[in-house]
Amino acid sequence: MPAADYNLATLPDMAKHFCMPVGLSDHTLSSTTAVASVAMGACVIEKHFTSDRSQGVADDSFALEPAEFKLLVEQVSEAWMALGSGPINFIEAFKPL
């Protein structure tokens, strides 16, 4: 499926419409969609995991191997932290003069 069809912009709309946390069931091979979903409000990410993609299991074509999964967790955690709390909060190094 092309990235243009993911429509991650629906995540905040679904959260508002259903008044509950939203998530992503990610069936892509990269971490990009999962990381972007965090920026759009995803609180949960489902991602397939495999110890070895060459085993030929049905979901292996989009499952992450251990090193890839570790990177996904690191990137999603960093994206989550980068969101911050919302209101402007000047840190000491960037306080206006």
Protein backbone atom coordinates (compact mmCIF):
# COMPACT_ATOMS: atom_id res chain seq x y z
CA MET A 1 0.00 0.00 0.00
CA PRO A 2 1.43 3.41 -0.91
CA ALA A 3 2.12 5.82 1.95
CA ALA A 4 -0.43 8.25 0.52
CA ASP A 5 -3.14 5.71 1.41
CA TYR A 6 -2.25 5.45 5.13
CA ASN A 7 -4.25 8.58 6.04
CA LEU A 8 -2.73 9.06 9.49
CA ALA A 9 -4.63 12.36 9.69
CA THR A 10 -7.67 10.30 10.71
CA LEU A 11 -6.07 9.50 14.09
CA PRO A 12 -6.87 12.80 15.85
CA ASP A 13 -10.31 12.82 14.23
CA MET A 14 -11.05 9.30 15.54
CA ALA A 15 -9.77 10.22 19.02
CA LYS A 16 -12.10 13.23 19.08
CA HIS A 17 -15.08 11.40 17.56
CA PHE A 18 -14.88 8.33 19.82
CA CYS A 19 -13.49 10.16 22.91
CA MET A 20 -10.81 7.53 23.49
CA PRO A 21 -7.14 6.85 22.80
CA VAL A 22 -6.27 5.70 19.29
CA GLY A 23 -3.52 3.52 17.89
CA LEU A 24 -2.04 2.10 14.73
CA SER A 25 -1.89 -1.44 13.38
CA ASP A 26 1.24 -1.01 11.28
CA HIS A 27 1.83 -3.48 8.46
CA THR A 28 4.69 -1.61 6.81
CA LEU A 29 8.32 -2.72 6.82
CA SER A 30 9.79 0.57 8.05
CA SER A 31 9.40 2.55 11.27
CA THR A 32 8.35 5.76 9.53
CA THR A 33 4.59 5.22 9.73
CA ALA A 34 4.70 4.22 13.39
CA VAL A 35 6.79 7.26 14.33
CA ALA A 36 4.50 9.57 12.33
CA SER A 37 1.45 8.05 14.02
CA VAL A 38 2.80 9.13 17.41
CA ALA A 39 2.92 12.71 16.14
CA MET A 40 -0.71 12.31 15.08
CA GLY A 41 -1.83 11.06 18.48
CA ALA A 42 -1.38 7.27 18.44
CA CYS A 43 -0.98 5.89 21.97
CA VAL A 44 -0.66 2.26 20.91
CA ILE A 45 1.25 0.72 18.01
CA GLU A 46 0.86 -2.86 16.87
CA LYS A 47 3.85 -4.11 14.90
CA HIS A 48 4.69 -7.66 13.86
CA PHE A 49 7.92 -9.18 15.18
CA THR A 50 9.99 -12.07 13.87
CA SER A 51 13.28 -13.53 14.97
CA ASP A 52 14.22 -14.21 11.33
CA ARG A 53 12.36 -12.82 8.30
CA SER A 54 13.76 -15.56 6.05
CA GLN A 55 11.71 -18.28 7.80
CA GLY A 56 8.85 -17.76 5.38
CA VAL A 57 6.06 -17.21 7.91
CA ALA A 58 3.07 -15.38 6.43
CA ASP A 59 3.59 -12.09 8.31
CA ASP A 60 7.37 -12.05 7.87
CA SER A 61 7.18 -9.79 4.81
CA PHE A 62 6.30 -6.83 7.07
CA ALA A 63 7.58 -8.05 10.44
CA LEU A 64 10.60 -6.47 12.10
CA GLU A 65 13.63 -8.44 13.22
CA PRO A 66 15.11 -7.80 16.70
CA ALA A 67 17.53 -4.98 15.77
CA GLU A 68 14.84 -3.26 13.66
CA PHE A 69 12.30 -3.58 16.47
CA LYS A 70 14.77 -2.09 18.95
CA LEU A 71 15.27 0.87 16.60
CA LEU A 72 11.49 1.28 16.27
CA VAL A 73 11.09 1.44 20.05
CA GLU A 74 13.89 4.01 20.32
CA GLN A 75 12.46 6.18 17.51
CA VAL A 76 8.89 6.04 18.82
CA SER A 77 10.09 6.87 22.34
CA GLU A 78 12.06 9.84 21.03
CA ALA A 79 9.06 11.06 19.02
CA TRP A 80 6.83 10.72 22.09
CA MET A 81 9.25 12.75 24.22
CA ALA A 82 9.64 15.36 21.47
CA LEU A 83 5.90 16.08 21.58
CA GLY A 84 6.30 17.76 24.94
CA SER A 85 3.38 19.06 26.98
CA GLY A 86 1.91 21.61 24.59
CA PRO A 87 2.10 25.08 26.17
CA ILE A 88 5.17 27.17 25.48
CA ASN A 89 7.75 26.55 28.16
CA PHE A 90 11.01 28.39 27.58
CA ILE A 91 14.03 26.47 28.73
CA GLU A 92 16.81 28.52 30.31
CA ALA A 93 19.02 28.43 27.20
CA PHE A 94 16.27 29.91 24.99
CA LYS A 95 14.54 32.45 27.24
CA PRO A 96 13.67 35.68 25.44
CA LEU A 97 15.87 38.65 26.25
